[in-house]
Amino acid sequence: MTWVLTIVITVLLVELLLRLPLLAEARAVAATARRAAHVVGARGISDHWKEKAVPAYAGRMLRASLMLLVWLGLIGLAGTVLTLLADRLAPGTSGTLLSGGGLALSLIAATAHVLLRQRLVRG
């Protein structure tokens, strides 16, 4: 039973991960960093403009980074809650999840779920 719960928890967390805007936030951090690097390295932009632009870019990056932290924290919280609930159903589930076999099963289940999901979406 603990192995089945391990797969269920993994699939639920993968679905949560796929539905949250993590990739959009990561792209926002990367795009802002590229823009900031361009401004800092540009010879045609005055130091006065750079002094105004860089803190604005830093603020954008901070916001996007904090949102990433929030989303990852939400996933961690969901994993913890699901594991505690599963432990009530079948004691030892948390031990199974954290064992080498449990981690391998989670990796296989997550990969299979993502591949199956992509195949179903594409038709």
N, C-alpha and C. Protein backbone atom coordinates (compact mmCIF):
# COMPACT_ATOMS: atom_id res chain seq x y z
N MET A 1 0.82 -1.20 0.00
CA MET A 1 0.00 0.00 0.00
C MET A 1 0.86 1.26 0.00
N THR A 2 2.00 1.21 0.69
CA THR A 2 2.86 2.40 0.74
C THR A 2 3.42 2.73 -0.63
N TRP A 3 3.65 1.70 -1.45
CA TRP A 3 4.18 1.95 -2.79
C TRP A 3 3.13 2.62 -3.67
N VAL A 4 1.88 2.22 -3.53
CA VAL A 4 0.79 2.84 -4.29
C VAL A 4 0.62 4.29 -3.85
N LEU A 5 0.68 4.54 -2.55
CA LEU A 5 0.56 5.91 -2.05
C LEU A 5 1.74 6.77 -2.51
N THR A 6 2.90 6.16 -2.61
CA THR A 6 4.07 6.89 -3.12
C THR A 6 3.82 7.36 -4.55
N ILE A 7 3.26 6.49 -5.37
CA ILE A 7 2.96 6.86 -6.76
C ILE A 7 1.88 7.94 -6.81
N VAL A 8 0.85 7.80 -5.98
CA VAL A 8 -0.24 8.78 -5.97
C VAL A 8 0.27 10.15 -5.54
N ILE A 9 1.07 10.19 -4.49
CA ILE A 9 1.63 11.47 -4.02
C ILE A 9 2.50 12.08 -5.11
N THR A 10 3.32 11.27 -5.75
CA THR A 10 4.20 11.77 -6.81
C THR A 10 3.39 12.38 -7.96
N VAL A 11 2.36 11.67 -8.40
CA VAL A 11 1.54 12.16 -9.52
C VAL A 11 0.84 13.46 -9.13
N LEU A 12 0.31 13.52 -7.92
CA LEU A 12 -0.35 14.75 -7.47
C LEU A 12 0.62 15.93 -7.42
N LEU A 13 1.82 15.69 -6.93
CA LEU A 13 2.81 16.78 -6.86
C LEU A 13 3.29 17.20 -8.25
N VAL A 14 3.42 16.24 -9.16
CA VAL A 14 3.81 16.59 -10.53
C VAL A 14 2.72 17.44 -11.18
N GLU A 15 1.47 17.08 -10.97
CA GLU A 15 0.38 17.88 -11.53
C GLU A 15 0.39 19.30 -10.96
N LEU A 16 0.61 19.41 -9.66
CA LEU A 16 0.70 20.73 -9.04
C LEU A 16 1.85 21.52 -9.63
N LEU A 17 2.98 20.87 -9.78
CA LEU A 17 4.17 21.52 -10.34
C LEU A 17 3.92 22.00 -11.77
N LEU A 18 3.22 21.19 -12.55
CA LEU A 18 2.96 21.57 -13.94
C LEU A 18 1.93 22.70 -14.06
N ARG A 19 1.06 22.81 -13.08
CA ARG A 19 0.01 23.83 -13.15
C ARG A 19 0.42 25.18 -12.55
N LEU A 20 1.46 25.20 -11.75
CA LEU A 20 1.91 26.47 -11.17
C LEU A 20 2.77 27.22 -12.18
N PRO A 21 2.80 28.54 -12.09
CA PRO A 21 3.56 29.35 -13.06
C PRO A 21 5.06 29.44 -12.73
N LEU A 22 5.67 28.31 -12.38
CA LEU A 22 7.09 28.32 -12.05
C LEU A 22 7.96 28.70 -13.25
N LEU A 23 7.66 28.14 -14.39
CA LEU A 23 8.47 28.41 -15.57
C LEU A 23 8.37 29.88 -15.98
N ALA A 24 7.19 30.45 -15.87
CA ALA A 24 7.02 31.86 -16.22
C ALA A 24 7.84 32.75 -15.28
N GLU A 25 7.86 32.42 -14.00
CA GLU A 25 8.64 33.23 -13.05
C GLU A 25 10.13 33.07 -13.31
N ALA A 26 10.56 31.85 -13.61
CA ALA A 26 11.98 31.63 -13.90
C ALA A 26 12.40 32.38 -15.17
N ARG A 27 11.52 32.37 -16.16
CA ARG A 27 11.80 33.12 -17.38
C ARG A 27 11.85 34.62 -17.12
N ALA A 28 11.01 35.10 -16.22
CA ALA A 28 11.01 36.53 -15.87
C ALA A 28 12.33 36.92 -15.23
N VAL A 29 12.84 36.07 -14.34
CA VAL A 29 14.14 36.34 -13.70
C VAL A 29 15.23 36.38 -14.77
N ALA A 30 15.24 35.39 -15.65
CA ALA A 30 16.28 35.31 -16.68
C ALA A 30 16.21 36.49 -17.65
N ALA A 31 15.00 36.84 -18.08
CA ALA A 31 14.85 37.95 -19.02
C ALA A 31 15.29 39.27 -18.39
N THR A 32 14.92 39.48 -17.14
CA THR A 32 15.31 40.72 -16.46
C THR A 32 16.82 40.77 -16.26
N ALA A 33 17.41 39.64 -15.95
CA ALA A 33 18.88 39.59 -15.79
C ALA A 33 19.57 39.91 -17.11
N ARG A 34 19.04 39.39 -18.21
CA ARG A 34 19.62 39.70 -19.53
C ARG A 34 19.52 41.19 -19.84
N ARG A 35 18.35 41.77 -19.56
CA ARG A 35 18.18 43.20 -19.81
C ARG A 35 19.13 44.03 -18.96
N ALA A 36 19.25 43.67 -17.69
CA ALA A 36 20.15 44.40 -16.79
C ALA A 36 21.60 44.28 -17.27
N ALA A 37 21.99 43.09 -17.68
CA ALA A 37 23.36 42.90 -18.17
C ALA A 37 23.60 43.72 -19.43
N HIS A 38 22.60 43.80 -20.28
CA HIS A 38 22.73 44.60 -21.49
C HIS A 38 22.91 46.09 -21.15
N VAL A 39 22.11 46.58 -20.21
CA VAL A 39 22.20 47.99 -19.82
C VAL A 39 23.56 48.28 -19.20
N VAL A 40 24.00 47.42 -18.31
CA VAL A 40 25.29 47.65 -17.64
C VAL A 40 26.44 47.62 -18.64
N GLY A 41 26.37 46.71 -19.61
CA GLY A 41 27.46 46.58 -20.57
C GLY A 41 27.41 47.54 -21.74
N ALA A 42 26.30 48.23 -21.92
CA ALA A 42 26.14 49.12 -23.08
C ALA A 42 26.95 50.40 -22.87
N ARG A 43 27.77 50.72 -23.85
CA ARG A 43 28.58 51.94 -23.77
C ARG A 43 27.76 53.18 -24.13
N GLY A 44 26.71 52.98 -24.91
CA GLY A 44 25.91 54.11 -25.35
C GLY A 44 24.90 54.60 -24.32
N ILE A 45 24.81 53.91 -23.19
CA ILE A 45 23.86 54.31 -22.16
C ILE A 45 24.64 55.02 -21.06
N SER A 46 24.17 56.19 -20.67
CA SER A 46 24.90 56.98 -19.68
C SER A 46 24.86 56.32 -18.31
N ASP A 47 25.85 56.68 -17.50
CA ASP A 47 25.90 56.15 -16.14
C ASP A 47 24.69 56.59 -15.33
N HIS A 48 24.19 57.78 -15.62
CA HIS A 48 23.01 58.27 -14.92
C HIS A 48 21.82 57.33 -15.17
N TRP A 49 21.62 56.94 -16.43
CA TRP A 49 20.51 56.03 -16.77
C TRP A 49 20.75 54.66 -16.14
N LYS A 50 21.99 54.20 -16.16
CA LYS A 50 22.31 52.90 -15.57
C LYS A 50 21.99 52.90 -14.07
N GLU A 51 22.30 54.02 -13.39
CA GLU A 51 22.01 54.11 -11.95
C GLU A 51 20.52 54.05 -11.67
N LYS A 52 19.71 54.49 -12.60
CA LYS A 52 18.25 54.43 -12.42
C LYS A 52 17.69 53.07 -12.85
N ALA A 53 18.25 52.49 -13.90
CA ALA A 53 17.70 51.26 -14.47
C ALA A 53 18.05 50.02 -13.64
N VAL A 54 19.27 49.94 -13.16
CA VAL A 54 19.72 48.72 -12.47
C VAL A 54 18.89 48.45 -11.20
N PRO A 55 18.62 49.44 -10.34
CA PRO A 55 17.76 49.13 -9.18
C PRO A 55 16.34 48.69 -9.58
N ALA A 56 15.83 49.24 -10.67
CA ALA A 56 14.50 48.81 -11.13
C ALA A 56 14.54 47.35 -11.58
N TYR A 57 15.59 46.98 -12.30
CA TYR A 57 15.73 45.58 -12.71
C TYR A 57 15.93 44.68 -11.50
N ALA A 58 16.69 45.15 -10.53
CA ALA A 58 16.91 44.35 -9.32
C ALA A 58 15.59 44.12 -8.58
N GLY A 59 14.74 45.14 -8.54
CA GLY A 59 13.43 44.98 -7.91
C GLY A 59 12.56 43.96 -8.62
N ARG A 60 12.59 43.99 -9.95
CA ARG A 60 11.83 43.00 -10.73
C ARG A 60 12.34 41.59 -10.47
N MET A 61 13.68 41.46 -10.44
CA MET A 61 14.25 40.14 -10.19
C MET A 61 13.93 39.65 -8.79
N LEU A 62 13.94 40.55 -7.83
CA LEU A 62 13.60 40.17 -6.46
C LEU A 62 12.16 39.69 -6.39
N ARG A 63 11.25 40.40 -7.02
CA ARG A 63 9.84 40.00 -7.00
C ARG A 63 9.65 38.62 -7.61
N ALA A 64 10.25 38.41 -8.80
CA ALA A 64 10.10 37.12 -9.47
C ALA A 64 10.76 36.00 -8.66
N SER A 65 11.90 36.29 -8.04
CA SER A 65 12.58 35.28 -7.22
C SER A 65 11.75 34.93 -5.99
N LEU A 66 11.14 35.94 -5.38
CA LEU A 66 10.28 35.66 -4.21
C LEU A 66 9.05 34.86 -4.60
N MET A 67 8.51 35.12 -5.79
CA MET A 67 7.38 34.32 -6.25
C MET A 67 7.79 32.87 -6.49
N LEU A 68 8.98 32.67 -7.02
CA LEU A 68 9.50 31.31 -7.17
C LEU A 68 9.59 30.62 -5.82
N LEU A 69 10.09 31.34 -4.84
CA LEU A 69 10.20 30.80 -3.49
C LEU A 69 8.82 30.42 -2.94
N VAL A 70 7.84 31.28 -3.16
CA VAL A 70 6.48 31.00 -2.69
C VAL A 70 5.93 29.74 -3.36
N TRP A 71 6.08 29.64 -4.68
CA TRP A 71 5.55 28.47 -5.40
C TRP A 71 6.26 27.19 -4.96
N LEU A 72 7.58 27.25 -4.80
CA LEU A 72 8.31 26.06 -4.34
C LEU A 72 7.94 25.70 -2.91
N GLY A 73 7.72 26.71 -2.08
CA GLY A 73 7.26 26.45 -0.72
C GLY A 73 5.89 25.80 -0.70
N LEU A 74 5.02 26.23 -1.61
CA LEU A 74 3.69 25.63 -1.72
C LEU A 74 3.78 24.16 -2.11
N ILE A 75 4.66 23.86 -3.04
CA ILE A 75 4.86 22.47 -3.43
C ILE A 75 5.40 21.65 -2.25
N GLY A 76 6.36 22.22 -1.53
CA GLY A 76 6.89 21.53 -0.35
C GLY A 76 5.83 21.30 0.71
N LEU A 77 5.00 22.30 0.94
CA LEU A 77 3.92 22.17 1.92
C LEU A 77 2.92 21.11 1.48
N ALA A 78 2.57 21.12 0.21
CA ALA A 78 1.63 20.11 -0.31
C ALA A 78 2.22 18.71 -0.16
N GLY A 79 3.50 18.57 -0.46
CA GLY A 79 4.16 17.27 -0.30
C GLY A 79 4.16 16.80 1.14
N THR A 80 4.40 17.72 2.05
CA THR A 80 4.40 17.38 3.48
C THR A 80 3.01 16.96 3.93
N VAL A 81 2.00 17.72 3.55
CA VAL A 81 0.62 17.40 3.94
C VAL A 81 0.20 16.06 3.35
N LEU A 82 0.48 15.84 2.07
CA LEU A 82 0.11 14.57 1.44
C LEU A 82 0.82 13.39 2.11
N THR A 83 2.08 13.59 2.46
CA THR A 83 2.84 12.51 3.11
C THR A 83 2.27 12.23 4.50
N LEU A 84 1.92 13.26 5.25
CA LEU A 84 1.34 13.04 6.58
C LEU A 84 -0.01 12.34 6.49
N LEU A 85 -0.81 12.73 5.50
CA LEU A 85 -2.10 12.05 5.30
C LEU A 85 -1.89 10.59 4.90
N ALA A 86 -0.94 10.35 4.02
CA ALA A 86 -0.66 8.98 3.59
C ALA A 86 -0.13 8.14 4.75
N ASP A 87 0.64 8.75 5.64
CA ASP A 87 1.15 8.04 6.81
C ASP A 87 0.01 7.60 7.73
N ARG A 88 -1.05 8.37 7.76
CA ARG A 88 -2.22 7.97 8.56
C ARG A 88 -2.94 6.79 7.94
N LEU A 89 -2.98 6.77 6.60
CA LEU A 89 -3.63 5.65 5.91
C LEU A 89 -2.79 4.37 5.99
N ALA A 90 -1.51 4.54 5.75
CA ALA A 90 -0.59 3.40 5.77
C ALA A 90 0.69 3.83 6.46
N PRO A 91 0.81 3.52 7.76
CA PRO A 91 2.02 3.91 8.48
C PRO A 91 3.28 3.39 7.77
N GLY A 92 4.27 4.24 7.70
CA GLY A 92 5.51 3.89 7.03
C GLY A 92 5.65 4.45 5.63
N THR A 93 4.63 5.17 5.18
CA THR A 93 4.68 5.74 3.83
C THR A 93 5.81 6.76 3.71
N SER A 94 5.98 7.57 4.75
CA SER A 94 7.05 8.57 4.69
C SER A 94 8.42 7.90 4.61
N GLY A 95 8.59 6.81 5.32
CA GLY A 95 9.85 6.07 5.23
C GLY A 95 10.07 5.50 3.84
N THR A 96 8.99 5.00 3.25
CA THR A 96 9.07 4.46 1.89
C THR A 96 9.43 5.56 0.90
N LEU A 97 8.78 6.72 1.05
CA LEU A 97 9.05 7.84 0.15
C LEU A 97 10.51 8.28 0.19
N LEU A 98 11.09 8.26 1.38
CA LEU A 98 12.46 8.76 1.54
C LEU A 98 13.52 7.69 1.35
N SER A 99 13.11 6.44 1.16
CA SER A 99 14.09 5.37 0.93
C SER A 99 14.61 5.46 -0.50
N GLY A 100 15.69 4.77 -0.77
CA GLY A 100 16.24 4.75 -2.12
C GLY A 100 15.24 4.21 -3.13
N GLY A 101 14.57 3.13 -2.76
CA GLY A 101 13.57 2.55 -3.66
C GLY A 101 12.39 3.48 -3.87
N GLY A 102 11.98 4.17 -2.80
CA GLY A 102 10.87 5.11 -2.91
C GLY A 102 11.20 6.29 -3.79
N LEU A 103 12.42 6.80 -3.65
CA LEU A 103 12.85 7.92 -4.49
C LEU A 103 12.95 7.47 -5.95
N ALA A 104 13.48 6.26 -6.18
CA ALA A 104 13.56 5.74 -7.54
C ALA A 104 12.16 5.56 -8.13
N LEU A 105 11.24 5.01 -7.33
CA LEU A 105 9.87 4.84 -7.79
C LEU A 105 9.23 6.19 -8.10
N SER A 106 9.46 7.18 -7.26
CA SER A 106 8.92 8.52 -7.50
C SER A 106 9.46 9.11 -8.80
N LEU A 107 10.74 8.92 -9.02
CA LEU A 107 11.35 9.43 -10.26
C LEU A 107 10.75 8.74 -11.48
N ILE A 108 10.59 7.45 -11.41
CA ILE A 108 10.01 6.70 -12.52
C ILE A 108 8.55 7.09 -12.73
N ALA A 109 7.79 7.19 -11.64
CA ALA A 109 6.38 7.56 -11.73
C ALA A 109 6.21 8.97 -12.29
N ALA A 110 7.05 9.91 -11.84
CA ALA A 110 6.96 11.29 -12.32
C ALA A 110 7.29 11.36 -13.81
N THR A 111 8.34 10.68 -14.21
CA THR A 111 8.73 10.67 -15.62
C THR A 111 7.64 10.04 -16.49
N ALA A 112 7.13 8.91 -16.05
CA ALA A 112 6.08 8.23 -16.80
C ALA A 112 4.83 9.10 -16.89
N HIS A 113 4.50 9.75 -15.81
CA HIS A 113 3.30 10.61 -15.81
C HIS A 113 3.46 11.78 -16.78
N VAL A 114 4.61 12.42 -16.76
CA VAL A 114 4.84 13.56 -17.65
C VAL A 114 4.82 13.10 -19.11
N LEU A 115 5.47 11.99 -19.41
CA LEU A 115 5.49 11.48 -20.78
C LEU A 115 4.09 11.08 -21.25
N LEU A 116 3.35 10.39 -20.40
CA LEU A 116 1.98 10.00 -20.74
C LEU A 116 1.09 11.22 -20.93
N ARG A 117 1.27 12.20 -20.06
CA ARG A 117 0.48 13.44 -20.15
C ARG A 117 0.78 14.17 -21.46
N GLN A 118 2.05 14.23 -21.84
CA GLN A 118 2.41 14.88 -23.10
C GLN A 118 1.83 14.13 -24.29
N ARG A 119 1.87 12.83 -24.24
CA ARG A 119 1.34 12.01 -25.34
C ARG A 119 -0.17 12.20 -25.47
N LEU A 120 -0.86 12.29 -24.34
CA LEU A 120 -2.31 12.47 -24.37
C LEU A 120 -2.70 13.87 -24.85
N VAL A 121 -1.91 14.86 -24.47
CA VAL A 121 -2.21 16.24 -24.88
C VAL A 121 -1.98 16.42 -26.38
N ARG A 122 -0.92 15.83 -26.88
CA ARG A 122 -0.59 15.97 -28.31
C ARG A 122 -1.49 15.09 -29.18
N GLY A 123 -2.06 14.07 -28.58
CA GLY A 123 -2.98 13.22 -29.32
C GLY A 123 -2.25 12.14 -29.98
